[in-house]
């Protein structure tokens, strides 16, 4: 832990007090991209565009070794991916993890269903909501967390075309406001 002197503090008169810093070896602790064990693999931007996400969960994924190596290279496509309920378990379906080129004949199927690892009460809650009309569970992002691959799944309702247009308009308005504030500060 790096000690940083506190200046301008009431305790400065008592001597040179120090406080712990949030930096370790010149890198902030919140940095995800610099740590190989905690990095984003892929982000499903289309899911937030097509669905109004109400709730999210983090789940582990059961994978083969060739799938993990392929994911380390970022070779994944979320197109048409969703979460399916089968026999009281959740499966990630239609997520395309490309073949690992060096796995020869021991390679995996690219679109196979992959089991998700969650607590029983979370599985039951998601399954009951998916059975309701209009709700769908979709993968939002894949990432490494402490060396393990996690998927963030979101539960949401499909957006209508007018909802999508409204979101685009509000995002454009926010951008214009931010740009005007930035230009006014110059």
C-alpha atoms as a PDB file:
ATOM      1  CA  UNK A   1       0.000   0.000   0.000  1.00  0.00           C
ATOM      2  CA  UNK A   2       1.355   3.415  -0.981  1.00  0.00           C
ATOM      3  CA  UNK A   3       1.234   6.129   1.693  1.00  0.00           C
ATOM      4  CA  UNK A   4       0.380   9.640   0.514  1.00  0.00           C
ATOM      5  CA  UNK A   5       0.766  12.674   2.792  1.00  0.00           C
ATOM      6  CA  UNK A   6      -2.454  14.568   3.503  1.00  0.00           C
ATOM      7  CA  UNK A   7      -2.046  18.307   2.943  1.00  0.00           C
ATOM      8  CA  UNK A   8      -4.465  21.005   3.970  1.00  0.00           C
ATOM      9  CA  UNK A   9      -6.134  18.720   6.508  1.00  0.00           C
ATOM     10  CA  UNK A  10      -6.820  19.631  10.146  1.00  0.00           C
ATOM     11  CA  UNK A  11      -4.433  16.897  11.290  1.00  0.00           C
ATOM     12  CA  UNK A  12      -1.532  18.541   9.417  1.00  0.00           C
ATOM     13  CA  UNK A  13      -0.625  20.505  12.543  1.00  0.00           C
ATOM     14  CA  UNK A  14      -0.170  17.231  14.446  1.00  0.00           C
ATOM     15  CA  UNK A  15       2.618  16.119  12.119  1.00  0.00           C
ATOM     16  CA  UNK A  16       3.018  14.370   8.838  1.00  0.00           C
ATOM     17  CA  UNK A  17       0.007  11.995   8.803  1.00  0.00           C
ATOM     18  CA  UNK A  18      -0.533   9.686   5.852  1.00  0.00           C
ATOM     19  CA  UNK A  19      -3.556   8.029   4.313  1.00  0.00           C
ATOM     20  CA  UNK A  20      -3.806   4.921   2.126  1.00  0.00           C
ATOM     21  CA  UNK A  21      -4.005   5.536  -1.607  1.00  0.00           C
ATOM     22  CA  UNK A  22      -6.179   3.798  -4.196  1.00  0.00           C
ATOM     23  CA  UNK A  23      -3.178   3.234  -6.460  1.00  0.00           C
ATOM     24  CA  UNK A  24      -1.011   0.164  -6.583  1.00  0.00           C
ATOM     25  CA  UNK A  25       2.155   0.200  -8.694  1.00  0.00           C
ATOM     26  CA  UNK A  26       1.047   3.241 -10.697  1.00  0.00           C
ATOM     27  CA  UNK A  27      -2.224   1.651 -11.831  1.00  0.00           C
ATOM     28  CA  UNK A  28      -5.652   2.421 -10.394  1.00  0.00           C
ATOM     29  CA  UNK A  29      -7.451  -0.513  -8.783  1.00  0.00           C
ATOM     30  CA  UNK A  30     -10.545   0.028 -10.931  1.00  0.00           C
ATOM     31  CA  UNK A  31      -8.666  -0.529 -14.188  1.00  0.00           C
ATOM     32  CA  UNK A  32     -10.245  -3.496 -15.955  1.00  0.00           C
ATOM     33  CA  UNK A  33      -8.490  -3.378 -19.310  1.00  0.00           C
ATOM     34  CA  UNK A  34      -4.972  -3.604 -17.901  1.00  0.00           C
ATOM     35  CA  UNK A  35      -5.588  -6.772 -15.870  1.00  0.00           C
ATOM     36  CA  UNK A  36      -5.841  -9.926 -17.988  1.00  0.00           C
ATOM     37  CA  UNK A  37      -7.988 -11.669 -15.332  1.00  0.00           C
ATOM     38  CA  UNK A  38     -10.600  -8.871 -15.271  1.00  0.00           C
ATOM     39  CA  UNK A  39     -11.395  -7.755 -18.799  1.00  0.00           C
ATOM     40  CA  UNK A  40     -14.389  -7.345 -21.079  1.00  0.00           C
ATOM     41  CA  UNK A  41     -14.576  -9.942 -23.859  1.00  0.00           C
ATOM     42  CA  UNK A  42     -17.658  -8.784 -25.761  1.00  0.00           C
ATOM     43  CA  UNK A  43     -20.592  -6.435 -25.287  1.00  0.00           C
ATOM     44  CA  UNK A  44     -24.061  -7.008 -26.797  1.00  0.00           C
ATOM     45  CA  UNK A  45     -25.072  -3.490 -27.840  1.00  0.00           C
ATOM     46  CA  UNK A  46     -28.030  -4.755 -29.838  1.00  0.00           C
ATOM     47  CA  UNK A  47     -29.694  -6.196 -26.705  1.00  0.00           C
ATOM     48  CA  UNK A  48     -30.101  -2.785 -25.042  1.00  0.00           C
ATOM     49  CA  UNK A  49     -31.399  -1.424 -28.357  1.00  0.00           C
ATOM     50  CA  UNK A  50     -33.986  -4.180 -28.856  1.00  0.00           C
ATOM     51  CA  UNK A  51     -35.021  -4.771 -25.218  1.00  0.00           C
ATOM     52  CA  UNK A  52     -35.955  -2.633 -22.229  1.00  0.00           C
ATOM     53  CA  UNK A  53     -33.747  -4.381 -19.656  1.00  0.00           C
ATOM     54  CA  UNK A  54     -35.313  -4.423 -16.189  1.00  0.00           C
ATOM     55  CA  UNK A  55     -32.952  -6.630 -14.188  1.00  0.00           C
ATOM     56  CA  UNK A  56     -29.486  -8.157 -14.640  1.00  0.00           C
ATOM     57  CA  UNK A  57     -27.636 -11.149 -13.180  1.00  0.00           C
ATOM     58  CA  UNK A  58     -24.074 -12.399 -13.340  1.00  0.00           C
ATOM     59  CA  UNK A  59     -23.720 -16.092 -14.206  1.00  0.00           C
ATOM     60  CA  UNK A  60     -20.870 -18.502 -14.732  1.00  0.00           C
ATOM     61  CA  UNK A  61     -20.670 -20.500 -17.952  1.00  0.00           C
ATOM     62  CA  UNK A  62     -19.708 -24.157 -18.476  1.00  0.00           C
ATOM     63  CA  UNK A  63     -17.169 -24.164 -21.335  1.00  0.00           C
ATOM     64  CA  UNK A  64     -14.613 -26.402 -23.039  1.00  0.00           C
ATOM     65  CA  UNK A  65     -10.945 -25.431 -23.083  1.00  0.00           C
ATOM     66  CA  UNK A  66     -10.979 -24.524 -26.775  1.00  0.00           C
ATOM     67  CA  UNK A  67     -13.917 -22.173 -26.114  1.00  0.00           C
ATOM     68  CA  UNK A  68     -12.009 -20.397 -23.352  1.00  0.00           C
ATOM     69  CA  UNK A  69      -8.979 -19.936 -25.612  1.00  0.00           C
ATOM     70  CA  UNK A  70     -11.185 -18.609 -28.385  1.00  0.00           C
ATOM     71  CA  UNK A  71     -12.845 -16.181 -25.952  1.00  0.00           C
ATOM     72  CA  UNK A  72      -9.425 -14.929 -24.792  1.00  0.00           C
ATOM     73  CA  UNK A  73      -8.952 -13.842 -28.411  1.00  0.00           C
ATOM     74  CA  UNK A  74     -12.390 -12.138 -28.340  1.00  0.00           C
ATOM     75  CA  UNK A  75     -13.885 -14.372 -31.040  1.00  0.00           C
ATOM     76  CA  UNK A  76     -17.582 -14.386 -30.081  1.00  0.00           C
ATOM     77  CA  UNK A  77     -20.811 -13.185 -31.722  1.00  0.00           C
ATOM     78  CA  UNK A  78     -24.040 -12.529 -29.813  1.00  0.00           C
ATOM     79  CA  UNK A  79     -26.360 -12.430 -32.851  1.00  0.00           C
ATOM     80  CA  UNK A  80     -29.698 -14.079 -31.946  1.00  0.00           C
ATOM     81  CA  UNK A  81     -28.303 -15.174 -28.567  1.00  0.00           C
ATOM     82  CA  UNK A  82     -30.738 -15.711 -25.715  1.00  0.00           C
ATOM     83  CA  UNK A  83     -31.191 -17.644 -22.485  1.00  0.00           C
ATOM     84  CA  UNK A  84     -33.391 -20.739 -22.593  1.00  0.00           C
ATOM     85  CA  UNK A  85     -34.967 -22.694 -19.691  1.00  0.00           C
ATOM     86  CA  UNK A  86     -34.685 -26.507 -19.951  1.00  0.00           C
ATOM     87  CA  UNK A  87     -35.468 -28.946 -17.121  1.00  0.00           C
ATOM     88  CA  UNK A  88     -35.047 -26.286 -14.432  1.00  0.00           C
ATOM     89  CA  UNK A  89     -31.658 -25.146 -15.767  1.00  0.00           C
ATOM     90  CA  UNK A  90     -30.624 -22.121 -17.824  1.00  0.00           C
ATOM     91  CA  UNK A  91     -28.733 -22.427 -21.098  1.00  0.00           C
ATOM     92  CA  UNK A  92     -27.056 -19.807 -23.269  1.00  0.00           C
ATOM     93  CA  UNK A  93     -28.324 -20.528 -26.798  1.00  0.00           C
ATOM     94  CA  UNK A  94     -27.235 -19.259 -30.257  1.00  0.00           C
ATOM     95  CA  UNK A  95     -24.097 -17.510 -29.038  1.00  0.00           C
ATOM     96  CA  UNK A  96     -21.439 -18.165 -31.662  1.00  0.00           C
ATOM     97  CA  UNK A  97     -17.987 -18.828 -30.140  1.00  0.00           C
ATOM     98  CA  UNK A  98     -15.637 -19.302 -33.091  1.00  0.00           C
ATOM     99  CA  UNK A  99     -13.484 -22.400 -33.345  1.00  0.00           C
ATOM    100  CA  UNK A 100     -10.010 -22.140 -31.875  1.00  0.00           C
ATOM    101  CA  UNK A 101      -7.641 -22.620 -34.843  1.00  0.00           C
ATOM    102  CA  UNK A 102      -5.057 -24.695 -32.925  1.00  0.00           C
ATOM    103  CA  UNK A 103      -7.501 -27.176 -31.319  1.00  0.00           C
ATOM    104  CA  UNK A 104      -7.560 -29.470 -34.393  1.00  0.00           C
ATOM    105  CA  UNK A 105     -10.077 -32.336 -34.058  1.00  0.00           C
ATOM    106  CA  UNK A 106     -10.817 -31.594 -30.385  1.00  0.00           C
ATOM    107  CA  UNK A 107     -12.578 -28.356 -31.255  1.00  0.00           C
ATOM    108  CA  UNK A 108     -16.041 -27.446 -29.981  1.00  0.00           C
ATOM    109  CA  UNK A 109     -19.350 -26.881 -31.773  1.00  0.00           C
ATOM    110  CA  UNK A 110     -19.683 -23.164 -32.393  1.00  0.00           C
ATOM    111  CA  UNK A 111     -23.396 -22.777 -31.540  1.00  0.00           C
ATOM    112  CA  UNK A 112     -23.910 -25.440 -28.885  1.00  0.00           C
ATOM    113  CA  UNK A 113     -26.100 -24.626 -25.840  1.00  0.00           C
ATOM    114  CA  UNK A 114     -23.923 -23.681 -22.847  1.00  0.00           C
ATOM    115  CA  UNK A 115     -25.125 -24.242 -19.285  1.00  0.00           C
ATOM    116  CA  UNK A 116     -25.290 -21.182 -17.020  1.00  0.00           C
ATOM    117  CA  UNK A 117     -24.328 -21.438 -13.355  1.00  0.00           C
ATOM    118  CA  UNK A 118     -26.633 -19.568 -10.956  1.00  0.00           C
ATOM    119  CA  UNK A 119     -28.206 -20.140  -7.547  1.00  0.00           C
ATOM    120  CA  UNK A 120     -31.474 -22.089  -7.549  1.00  0.00           C
ATOM    121  CA  UNK A 121     -33.568 -19.112  -6.383  1.00  0.00           C
ATOM    122  CA  UNK A 122     -32.118 -16.956  -9.205  1.00  0.00           C
ATOM    123  CA  UNK A 123     -32.859 -19.660 -11.781  1.00  0.00           C
ATOM    124  CA  UNK A 124     -36.449 -19.976 -10.509  1.00  0.00           C
ATOM    125  CA  UNK A 125     -36.950 -16.199 -10.579  1.00  0.00           C
ATOM    126  CA  UNK A 126     -35.631 -15.899 -14.153  1.00  0.00           C
ATOM    127  CA  UNK A 127     -37.602 -18.946 -15.350  1.00  0.00           C
ATOM    128  CA  UNK A 128     -40.879 -17.619 -13.943  1.00  0.00           C
ATOM    129  CA  UNK A 129     -40.351 -14.205 -15.579  1.00  0.00           C
ATOM    130  CA  UNK A 130     -39.384 -15.718 -18.954  1.00  0.00           C
ATOM    131  CA  UNK A 131     -42.613 -17.742 -18.959  1.00  0.00           C
ATOM    132  CA  UNK A 132     -44.591 -14.493 -18.677  1.00  0.00           C
ATOM    133  CA  UNK A 133     -45.678 -13.026 -21.980  1.00  0.00           C
ATOM    134  CA  UNK A 134     -43.198 -10.566 -23.478  1.00  0.00           C
ATOM    135  CA  UNK A 135     -40.196 -11.208 -21.235  1.00  0.00           C
ATOM    136  CA  UNK A 136     -36.908 -12.516 -22.619  1.00  0.00           C
ATOM    137  CA  UNK A 137     -33.525 -13.200 -21.035  1.00  0.00           C
ATOM    138  CA  UNK A 138     -30.612 -12.102 -23.224  1.00  0.00           C
ATOM    139  CA  UNK A 139     -26.817 -12.047 -22.760  1.00  0.00           C
ATOM    140  CA  UNK A 140     -25.538  -8.485 -22.299  1.00  0.00           C
ATOM    141  CA  UNK A 141     -21.792  -9.013 -22.002  1.00  0.00           C
ATOM    142  CA  UNK A 142     -19.103 -11.645 -21.562  1.00  0.00           C
ATOM    143  CA  UNK A 143     -16.114 -10.863 -19.384  1.00  0.00           C
ATOM    144  CA  UNK A 144     -13.351 -12.335 -17.266  1.00  0.00           C
ATOM    145  CA  UNK A 145     -13.659 -11.963 -13.509  1.00  0.00           C
ATOM    146  CA  UNK A 146     -10.789 -13.304 -11.403  1.00  0.00           C
ATOM    147  CA  UNK A 147      -9.770 -15.614 -14.248  1.00  0.00           C
ATOM    148  CA  UNK A 148     -13.253 -17.077 -14.773  1.00  0.00           C
ATOM    149  CA  UNK A 149     -15.598 -16.288 -17.636  1.00  0.00           C
ATOM    150  CA  UNK A 150     -18.865 -14.670 -16.593  1.00  0.00           C
ATOM    151  CA  UNK A 151     -21.879 -13.617 -18.601  1.00  0.00           C
ATOM    152  CA  UNK A 152     -24.213 -10.803 -17.593  1.00  0.00           C
ATOM    153  CA  UNK A 153     -27.764 -11.708 -18.520  1.00  0.00           C
ATOM    154  CA  UNK A 154     -30.589  -9.220 -18.614  1.00  0.00           C
ATOM    155  CA  UNK A 155     -34.307  -9.739 -18.323  1.00  0.00           C
ATOM    156  CA  UNK A 156     -36.384  -7.413 -20.428  1.00  0.00           C
ATOM    157  CA  UNK A 157     -39.323  -6.797 -22.707  1.00  0.00           C
ATOM    158  CA  UNK A 158     -38.981  -6.276 -26.432  1.00  0.00           C
ATOM    159  CA  UNK A 159     -39.151  -2.645 -27.546  1.00  0.00           C
ATOM    160  CA  UNK A 160     -41.549  -1.476 -30.206  1.00  0.00           C
ATOM    161  CA  UNK A 161     -40.277   0.609 -33.116  1.00  0.00           C
ATOM    162  CA  UNK A 162     -41.560   3.870 -31.609  1.00  0.00           C
ATOM    163  CA  UNK A 163     -39.737   3.104 -28.327  1.00  0.00           C
ATOM    164  CA  UNK A 164     -36.469   2.662 -30.228  1.00  0.00           C
ATOM    165  CA  UNK A 165     -37.001   5.954 -32.063  1.00  0.00           C
ATOM    166  CA  UNK A 166     -37.737   7.741 -28.784  1.00  0.00           C
ATOM    167  CA  UNK A 167     -34.499   6.391 -27.265  1.00  0.00           C
ATOM    168  CA  UNK A 168     -32.488   7.575 -30.273  1.00  0.00           C
ATOM    169  CA  UNK A 169     -34.056  11.054 -30.034  1.00  0.00           C
ATOM    170  CA  UNK A 170     -33.344  11.378 -26.307  1.00  0.00           C
ATOM    171  CA  UNK A 171     -29.729  10.207 -26.777  1.00  0.00           C
ATOM    172  CA  UNK A 172     -29.214  12.735 -29.583  1.00  0.00           C
ATOM    173  CA  UNK A 173     -30.684  15.515 -27.396  1.00  0.00           C
ATOM    174  CA  UNK A 174     -28.350  14.611 -24.509  1.00  0.00           C
ATOM    175  CA  UNK A 175     -25.374  14.695 -26.886  1.00  0.00           C
ATOM    176  CA  UNK A 176     -26.352  18.143 -28.178  1.00  0.00           C
ATOM    177  CA  UNK A 177     -26.756  19.502 -24.622  1.00  0.00           C
ATOM    178  CA  UNK A 178     -23.378  18.119 -23.609  1.00  0.00           C
ATOM    179  CA  UNK A 179     -21.765  19.602 -26.734  1.00  0.00           C
ATOM    180  CA  UNK A 180     -23.383  23.009 -26.085  1.00  0.00           C
ATOM    181  CA  UNK A 181     -22.146  23.016 -22.469  1.00  0.00           C
ATOM    182  CA  UNK A 182     -18.657  22.050 -23.612  1.00  0.00           C
ATOM    183  CA  UNK A 183     -18.602  24.801 -26.278  1.00  0.00           C
ATOM    184  CA  UNK A 184     -19.924  27.378 -23.778  1.00  0.00           C
ATOM    185  CA  UNK A 185     -17.016  26.618 -21.462  1.00  0.00           C
ATOM    186  CA  UNK A 186     -14.444  27.542 -24.146  1.00  0.00           C
END
